N, C-alpha and C. Protein backbone atom coordinates (compact mmCIF):
# COMPACT_ATOMS: atom_id res chain seq x y z
N UNK A 1 -16.95 -12.81 41.20
CA UNK A 1 -16.99 -11.37 41.27
C UNK A 1 -15.58 -10.79 41.27
N UNK A 2 -14.66 -11.38 42.04
CA UNK A 2 -13.31 -10.85 42.10
C UNK A 2 -12.56 -11.04 40.79
N UNK A 3 -12.85 -12.10 40.06
CA UNK A 3 -12.15 -12.34 38.80
C UNK A 3 -12.46 -11.24 37.79
N UNK A 4 -13.66 -10.66 37.88
CA UNK A 4 -14.00 -9.55 36.99
C UNK A 4 -13.09 -8.36 37.27
N UNK A 5 -12.89 -8.05 38.54
CA UNK A 5 -12.02 -6.93 38.91
C UNK A 5 -10.58 -7.19 38.47
N UNK A 6 -10.11 -8.43 38.64
CA UNK A 6 -8.75 -8.75 38.24
C UNK A 6 -8.57 -8.61 36.74
N UNK A 7 -9.55 -9.08 35.97
CA UNK A 7 -9.46 -8.96 34.51
C UNK A 7 -9.47 -7.49 34.10
N UNK A 8 -10.30 -6.70 34.77
CA UNK A 8 -10.36 -5.28 34.44
C UNK A 8 -9.03 -4.60 34.78
N UNK A 9 -8.48 -4.88 35.95
CA UNK A 9 -7.21 -4.26 36.33
C UNK A 9 -6.07 -4.79 35.46
N UNK A 10 -6.12 -6.07 35.07
CA UNK A 10 -5.11 -6.63 34.18
C UNK A 10 -5.16 -5.96 32.81
N UNK A 11 -6.36 -5.73 32.31
CA UNK A 11 -6.48 -5.08 31.00
C UNK A 11 -6.04 -3.62 31.08
N UNK A 12 -6.28 -2.98 32.21
CA UNK A 12 -5.83 -1.60 32.38
C UNK A 12 -4.31 -1.56 32.47
N UNK A 13 -3.71 -2.49 33.20
CA UNK A 13 -2.26 -2.58 33.29
C UNK A 13 -1.68 -2.79 31.90
N UNK A 14 -2.25 -3.71 31.18
CA UNK A 14 -1.80 -4.01 29.81
C UNK A 14 -1.86 -2.75 28.95
N UNK A 15 -2.98 -2.06 28.99
CA UNK A 15 -3.16 -0.85 28.19
C UNK A 15 -2.13 0.21 28.59
N UNK A 16 -1.95 0.41 29.88
CA UNK A 16 -1.01 1.42 30.35
C UNK A 16 0.42 1.11 29.93
N UNK A 17 0.82 -0.15 30.05
CA UNK A 17 2.17 -0.54 29.67
C UNK A 17 2.38 -0.39 28.16
N UNK A 18 1.39 -0.78 27.38
CA UNK A 18 1.51 -0.62 25.93
C UNK A 18 1.54 0.86 25.54
N UNK A 19 0.73 1.67 26.19
CA UNK A 19 0.74 3.11 25.90
C UNK A 19 2.08 3.74 26.27
N UNK A 20 2.64 3.32 27.40
CA UNK A 20 3.94 3.84 27.82
C UNK A 20 5.03 3.40 26.85
N UNK A 21 4.98 2.16 26.43
CA UNK A 21 5.94 1.63 25.46
C UNK A 21 5.85 2.40 24.14
N UNK A 22 4.62 2.66 23.68
CA UNK A 22 4.42 3.41 22.44
C UNK A 22 4.96 4.84 22.59
N UNK A 23 4.76 5.43 23.76
CA UNK A 23 5.28 6.77 24.02
C UNK A 23 6.82 6.77 23.97
N UNK A 24 7.44 5.74 24.54
CA UNK A 24 8.90 5.62 24.47
C UNK A 24 9.37 5.52 23.02
N UNK A 25 8.68 4.71 22.24
CA UNK A 25 9.03 4.55 20.83
C UNK A 25 8.91 5.88 20.09
N UNK A 26 7.86 6.60 20.38
CA UNK A 26 7.65 7.91 19.74
C UNK A 26 8.76 8.88 20.16
N UNK A 27 9.15 8.84 21.43
CA UNK A 27 10.22 9.71 21.90
C UNK A 27 11.55 9.36 21.23
N UNK A 28 11.79 8.08 21.00
CA UNK A 28 13.01 7.69 20.30
C UNK A 28 12.97 8.21 18.86
N UNK A 29 11.81 8.14 18.25
CA UNK A 29 11.64 8.69 16.91
C UNK A 29 11.89 10.20 16.91
N UNK A 30 11.32 10.90 17.89
CA UNK A 30 11.56 12.35 18.02
C UNK A 30 13.05 12.63 18.14
N UNK A 31 13.75 11.82 18.96
CA UNK A 31 15.18 12.01 19.12
C UNK A 31 15.87 11.90 17.77
N UNK A 32 15.59 10.82 17.03
CA UNK A 32 16.28 10.59 15.75
C UNK A 32 16.02 11.74 14.78
N UNK A 33 14.81 12.21 14.72
CA UNK A 33 14.48 13.31 13.80
C UNK A 33 15.25 14.58 14.20
N UNK A 34 15.22 14.91 15.48
CA UNK A 34 15.92 16.11 15.93
C UNK A 34 17.43 15.97 15.75
N UNK A 35 17.96 14.78 16.01
CA UNK A 35 19.39 14.54 15.86
C UNK A 35 19.80 14.64 14.39
N UNK A 36 19.03 14.06 13.50
CA UNK A 36 19.35 14.10 12.08
C UNK A 36 19.23 15.51 11.50
N UNK A 37 18.21 16.23 11.93
CA UNK A 37 17.99 17.58 11.40
C UNK A 37 18.86 18.62 12.09
N UNK A 38 19.45 18.24 13.25
CA UNK A 38 20.23 19.18 14.05
C UNK A 38 19.39 20.41 14.40
N UNK A 39 18.13 20.13 14.68
CA UNK A 39 17.19 21.19 15.02
C UNK A 39 16.16 20.63 15.99
N UNK A 40 16.04 21.26 17.14
CA UNK A 40 15.11 20.80 18.16
C UNK A 40 13.75 21.42 17.88
N UNK A 41 12.81 20.57 17.53
CA UNK A 41 11.50 21.05 17.11
C UNK A 41 10.46 21.04 18.23
N UNK A 42 10.59 20.10 19.14
CA UNK A 42 9.59 19.97 20.19
C UNK A 42 10.18 19.17 21.35
N UNK A 43 9.44 19.12 22.43
CA UNK A 43 9.86 18.32 23.57
C UNK A 43 9.43 16.88 23.39
N UNK A 44 9.69 16.10 24.42
CA UNK A 44 9.34 14.69 24.41
C UNK A 44 8.01 14.48 25.12
N UNK A 45 7.35 13.38 24.80
CA UNK A 45 6.06 13.04 25.40
C UNK A 45 6.25 12.52 26.82
N UNK A 46 5.37 12.94 27.71
CA UNK A 46 5.45 12.49 29.11
C UNK A 46 4.07 12.13 29.67
N UNK A 47 3.09 11.98 28.82
CA UNK A 47 1.72 11.75 29.28
C UNK A 47 1.56 10.49 30.13
N UNK A 48 2.27 9.44 29.78
CA UNK A 48 2.05 8.16 30.45
C UNK A 48 2.86 7.99 31.73
N UNK A 49 3.90 8.78 31.93
CA UNK A 49 4.73 8.59 33.12
C UNK A 49 3.94 8.69 34.42
N UNK A 50 3.10 9.70 34.61
CA UNK A 50 2.34 9.76 35.86
C UNK A 50 1.42 8.54 36.06
N UNK A 51 1.00 7.94 34.98
CA UNK A 51 0.09 6.80 35.04
C UNK A 51 0.83 5.52 35.44
N UNK A 52 2.07 5.35 34.97
CA UNK A 52 2.77 4.08 35.17
C UNK A 52 3.86 4.11 36.24
N UNK A 53 4.22 5.26 36.73
CA UNK A 53 5.40 5.35 37.60
C UNK A 53 5.30 4.56 38.89
N UNK A 54 4.11 4.24 39.36
CA UNK A 54 3.94 3.47 40.60
C UNK A 54 3.73 1.98 40.37
N UNK A 55 3.76 1.54 39.13
CA UNK A 55 3.61 0.12 38.83
C UNK A 55 4.92 -0.60 39.19
N UNK A 56 4.82 -1.73 39.87
CA UNK A 56 6.01 -2.44 40.36
C UNK A 56 7.01 -2.77 39.26
N UNK A 57 6.54 -3.25 38.11
CA UNK A 57 7.47 -3.61 37.04
C UNK A 57 8.20 -2.39 36.48
N UNK A 58 7.65 -1.22 36.67
CA UNK A 58 8.29 0.03 36.24
C UNK A 58 9.28 0.48 37.31
N UNK A 59 8.84 0.44 38.57
CA UNK A 59 9.66 0.94 39.68
C UNK A 59 10.95 0.15 39.87
N UNK A 60 10.97 -1.10 39.46
CA UNK A 60 12.15 -1.92 39.74
C UNK A 60 13.30 -1.67 38.76
N UNK A 61 13.09 -0.83 37.76
CA UNK A 61 14.14 -0.55 36.78
C UNK A 61 14.60 0.90 36.88
N UNK A 62 15.82 1.06 37.31
CA UNK A 62 16.41 2.40 37.40
C UNK A 62 16.52 3.07 36.06
N UNK A 63 16.68 2.28 35.01
CA UNK A 63 16.78 2.87 33.67
C UNK A 63 15.50 3.60 33.28
N UNK A 64 14.37 3.08 33.71
CA UNK A 64 13.10 3.70 33.36
C UNK A 64 12.90 4.98 34.15
N UNK A 65 13.28 4.98 35.42
CA UNK A 65 13.21 6.20 36.22
C UNK A 65 14.16 7.25 35.68
N UNK A 66 15.35 6.83 35.27
CA UNK A 66 16.33 7.74 34.68
C UNK A 66 15.77 8.33 33.39
N UNK A 67 15.13 7.50 32.59
CA UNK A 67 14.49 7.95 31.35
C UNK A 67 13.48 9.05 31.64
N UNK A 68 12.61 8.80 32.60
CA UNK A 68 11.56 9.78 32.92
C UNK A 68 12.16 11.09 33.40
N UNK A 69 13.17 11.01 34.26
CA UNK A 69 13.82 12.23 34.75
C UNK A 69 14.51 12.98 33.62
N UNK A 70 15.16 12.26 32.72
CA UNK A 70 15.86 12.90 31.60
C UNK A 70 14.87 13.57 30.65
N UNK A 71 13.76 12.92 30.40
CA UNK A 71 12.73 13.50 29.52
C UNK A 71 12.18 14.79 30.16
N UNK A 72 11.86 14.73 31.44
CA UNK A 72 11.35 15.91 32.14
C UNK A 72 12.38 17.03 32.17
N UNK A 73 13.64 16.67 32.41
CA UNK A 73 14.72 17.65 32.44
C UNK A 73 14.89 18.31 31.07
N UNK A 74 14.87 17.51 30.01
CA UNK A 74 14.99 18.05 28.66
C UNK A 74 13.83 19.00 28.36
N UNK A 75 12.62 18.56 28.67
CA UNK A 75 11.45 19.39 28.39
C UNK A 75 11.50 20.71 29.16
N UNK A 76 11.98 20.67 30.40
CA UNK A 76 12.10 21.90 31.19
C UNK A 76 13.17 22.82 30.59
N UNK A 77 14.29 22.24 30.16
CA UNK A 77 15.35 23.04 29.53
C UNK A 77 14.85 23.65 28.23
N UNK A 78 14.06 22.91 27.47
CA UNK A 78 13.49 23.44 26.23
C UNK A 78 12.55 24.60 26.53
N UNK A 79 11.72 24.46 27.53
CA UNK A 79 10.79 25.52 27.91
C UNK A 79 11.57 26.77 28.34
N UNK A 80 12.61 26.58 29.14
CA UNK A 80 13.43 27.71 29.59
C UNK A 80 14.07 28.41 28.40
N UNK A 81 14.60 27.63 27.47
CA UNK A 81 15.21 28.20 26.27
C UNK A 81 14.19 28.97 25.43
N UNK A 82 13.06 28.33 25.17
CA UNK A 82 12.02 28.98 24.34
C UNK A 82 11.50 30.26 24.99
N UNK A 83 11.26 30.21 26.30
CA UNK A 83 10.79 31.40 27.01
C UNK A 83 11.82 32.53 26.92
N UNK A 84 13.08 32.19 27.11
CA UNK A 84 14.13 33.21 27.05
C UNK A 84 14.27 33.74 25.62
N UNK A 85 14.14 32.87 24.65
CA UNK A 85 14.23 33.28 23.25
C UNK A 85 13.11 34.26 22.91
N UNK A 86 11.90 33.99 23.37
CA UNK A 86 10.77 34.90 23.14
C UNK A 86 11.04 36.24 23.81
N UNK A 87 11.52 36.20 25.04
CA UNK A 87 11.85 37.43 25.75
C UNK A 87 12.95 38.20 25.01
N UNK A 88 13.99 37.50 24.60
CA UNK A 88 15.13 38.12 23.93
C UNK A 88 14.73 38.79 22.62
N UNK A 89 13.92 38.10 21.83
CA UNK A 89 13.53 38.64 20.53
C UNK A 89 12.35 39.60 20.60
N UNK A 90 11.70 39.64 21.75
CA UNK A 90 10.50 40.45 21.89
C UNK A 90 10.73 41.94 22.02
N UNK A 91 11.94 42.35 22.33
CA UNK A 91 12.21 43.77 22.55
C UNK A 91 13.66 44.03 22.17
N UNK A 92 13.88 45.04 21.38
CA UNK A 92 15.22 45.36 20.92
C UNK A 92 16.15 45.71 22.09
N UNK A 93 15.62 46.21 23.17
CA UNK A 93 16.46 46.55 24.32
C UNK A 93 16.99 45.30 25.03
N UNK A 94 16.39 44.16 24.78
CA UNK A 94 16.86 42.90 25.38
C UNK A 94 18.05 42.32 24.64
N UNK A 95 18.29 42.83 23.44
CA UNK A 95 19.35 42.28 22.58
C UNK A 95 20.70 42.91 22.92
N UNK A 96 21.32 42.34 23.92
CA UNK A 96 22.65 42.79 24.34
C UNK A 96 23.61 41.61 24.20
N UNK A 97 24.91 41.88 24.17
CA UNK A 97 25.87 40.76 24.09
C UNK A 97 25.72 39.77 25.25
N UNK A 98 25.46 40.27 26.43
CA UNK A 98 25.29 39.39 27.59
C UNK A 98 24.08 38.48 27.43
N UNK A 99 22.97 39.06 27.00
CA UNK A 99 21.75 38.26 26.81
C UNK A 99 21.91 37.28 25.65
N UNK A 100 22.64 37.70 24.61
CA UNK A 100 22.90 36.80 23.49
C UNK A 100 23.73 35.60 23.94
N UNK A 101 24.73 35.85 24.80
CA UNK A 101 25.54 34.75 25.34
C UNK A 101 24.69 33.80 26.18
N UNK A 102 23.80 34.36 26.95
CA UNK A 102 22.93 33.51 27.79
C UNK A 102 22.03 32.65 26.90
N UNK A 103 21.45 33.24 25.87
CA UNK A 103 20.60 32.49 24.94
C UNK A 103 21.41 31.37 24.28
N UNK A 104 22.62 31.69 23.86
CA UNK A 104 23.49 30.70 23.24
C UNK A 104 23.83 29.57 24.22
N UNK A 105 24.10 29.92 25.46
CA UNK A 105 24.41 28.91 26.49
C UNK A 105 23.22 28.00 26.75
N UNK A 106 22.02 28.56 26.78
CA UNK A 106 20.82 27.75 26.96
C UNK A 106 20.64 26.78 25.79
N UNK A 107 20.93 27.24 24.58
CA UNK A 107 20.82 26.40 23.39
C UNK A 107 21.86 25.28 23.44
N UNK A 108 23.09 25.63 23.84
CA UNK A 108 24.13 24.60 23.94
C UNK A 108 23.77 23.55 24.98
N UNK A 109 23.24 23.99 26.11
CA UNK A 109 22.82 23.06 27.17
C UNK A 109 21.76 22.10 26.64
N UNK A 110 20.83 22.62 25.86
CA UNK A 110 19.77 21.80 25.27
C UNK A 110 20.36 20.79 24.29
N UNK A 111 21.31 21.23 23.47
CA UNK A 111 21.96 20.32 22.52
C UNK A 111 22.69 19.18 23.23
N UNK A 112 23.36 19.50 24.33
CA UNK A 112 24.06 18.47 25.10
C UNK A 112 23.07 17.47 25.66
N UNK A 113 21.97 17.95 26.20
CA UNK A 113 20.94 17.05 26.74
C UNK A 113 20.40 16.14 25.65
N UNK A 114 20.17 16.70 24.46
CA UNK A 114 19.64 15.91 23.36
C UNK A 114 20.61 14.80 22.96
N UNK A 115 21.89 15.12 22.88
CA UNK A 115 22.88 14.11 22.46
C UNK A 115 22.88 12.89 23.37
N UNK A 116 22.57 13.06 24.63
CA UNK A 116 22.58 11.94 25.56
C UNK A 116 21.28 11.14 25.61
N UNK A 117 20.26 11.59 24.92
CA UNK A 117 18.95 10.94 25.06
C UNK A 117 18.88 9.53 24.49
N UNK A 118 19.56 9.26 23.40
CA UNK A 118 19.48 7.92 22.82
C UNK A 118 19.98 6.87 23.81
N UNK A 119 21.08 7.18 24.50
CA UNK A 119 21.66 6.25 25.47
C UNK A 119 20.79 6.09 26.71
N UNK A 120 19.79 6.91 26.86
CA UNK A 120 18.85 6.81 27.98
C UNK A 120 17.56 6.12 27.56
N UNK A 121 17.06 6.48 26.38
CA UNK A 121 15.78 5.94 25.91
C UNK A 121 15.88 4.44 25.59
N UNK A 122 16.93 4.05 24.90
CA UNK A 122 17.02 2.66 24.44
C UNK A 122 17.09 1.66 25.59
N UNK A 123 17.97 1.83 26.59
CA UNK A 123 17.97 0.85 27.69
C UNK A 123 16.65 0.80 28.46
N UNK A 124 16.01 1.95 28.64
CA UNK A 124 14.72 1.97 29.33
C UNK A 124 13.68 1.20 28.53
N UNK A 125 13.67 1.41 27.23
CA UNK A 125 12.74 0.68 26.36
C UNK A 125 13.00 -0.81 26.37
N UNK A 126 14.27 -1.20 26.39
CA UNK A 126 14.62 -2.62 26.43
C UNK A 126 14.16 -3.27 27.74
N UNK A 127 14.35 -2.55 28.85
CA UNK A 127 13.89 -3.10 30.13
C UNK A 127 12.37 -3.23 30.16
N UNK A 128 11.67 -2.25 29.62
CA UNK A 128 10.21 -2.32 29.57
C UNK A 128 9.77 -3.48 28.68
N UNK A 129 10.41 -3.65 27.54
CA UNK A 129 10.07 -4.76 26.66
C UNK A 129 10.29 -6.10 27.34
N UNK A 130 11.41 -6.26 28.05
CA UNK A 130 11.68 -7.51 28.78
C UNK A 130 10.58 -7.80 29.79
N UNK A 131 10.17 -6.78 30.50
CA UNK A 131 9.09 -6.95 31.49
C UNK A 131 7.79 -7.36 30.80
N UNK A 132 7.52 -6.75 29.66
CA UNK A 132 6.29 -7.07 28.94
C UNK A 132 6.32 -8.49 28.40
N UNK A 133 7.49 -8.96 27.99
CA UNK A 133 7.65 -10.36 27.56
C UNK A 133 7.41 -11.28 28.74
N UNK A 134 8.01 -10.97 29.89
CA UNK A 134 7.83 -11.81 31.08
C UNK A 134 6.39 -11.85 31.54
N UNK A 135 5.66 -10.76 31.33
CA UNK A 135 4.25 -10.72 31.70
C UNK A 135 3.35 -11.41 30.65
N UNK A 136 3.96 -11.80 29.54
CA UNK A 136 3.20 -12.45 28.47
C UNK A 136 2.48 -11.47 27.58
N UNK A 137 2.82 -10.20 27.65
CA UNK A 137 2.17 -9.19 26.81
C UNK A 137 2.81 -9.08 25.43
N UNK A 138 4.07 -9.48 25.34
CA UNK A 138 4.79 -9.49 24.07
C UNK A 138 5.40 -10.87 23.89
N UNK A 139 5.63 -11.25 22.65
CA UNK A 139 6.32 -12.51 22.36
C UNK A 139 7.80 -12.21 22.15
N UNK A 140 8.62 -13.09 22.65
CA UNK A 140 10.09 -12.90 22.54
C UNK A 140 10.57 -13.10 21.13
């Protein structure tokens, strides 16, 4: 009876880790597209972080926690920028030099965050891959 539960939890762990790994790969792809186009089109995916953040193999790597924080920080900065942009363009009375400078500063902050993402995503992905190899989920 207990072996059934272990197999079920093992398969769920496997699924969650693979889904998180795929999400990281997709986020790296998003980074490359935005970096190449020099245009931020969307935020990064964060669906799997709440699911995997308490797993021991995830918690033991600071790079993965840093990745999650950076992704959340970028997404929040993007939301702040987009909201301010909508507000700024929504009414002609909002279009002042001061508000234009603030919009520009928010955009620059977002660009700086984006430039640092590759150096955050890749080490986190490498640590996750190593863990998956050690667990026998991937072949070296």
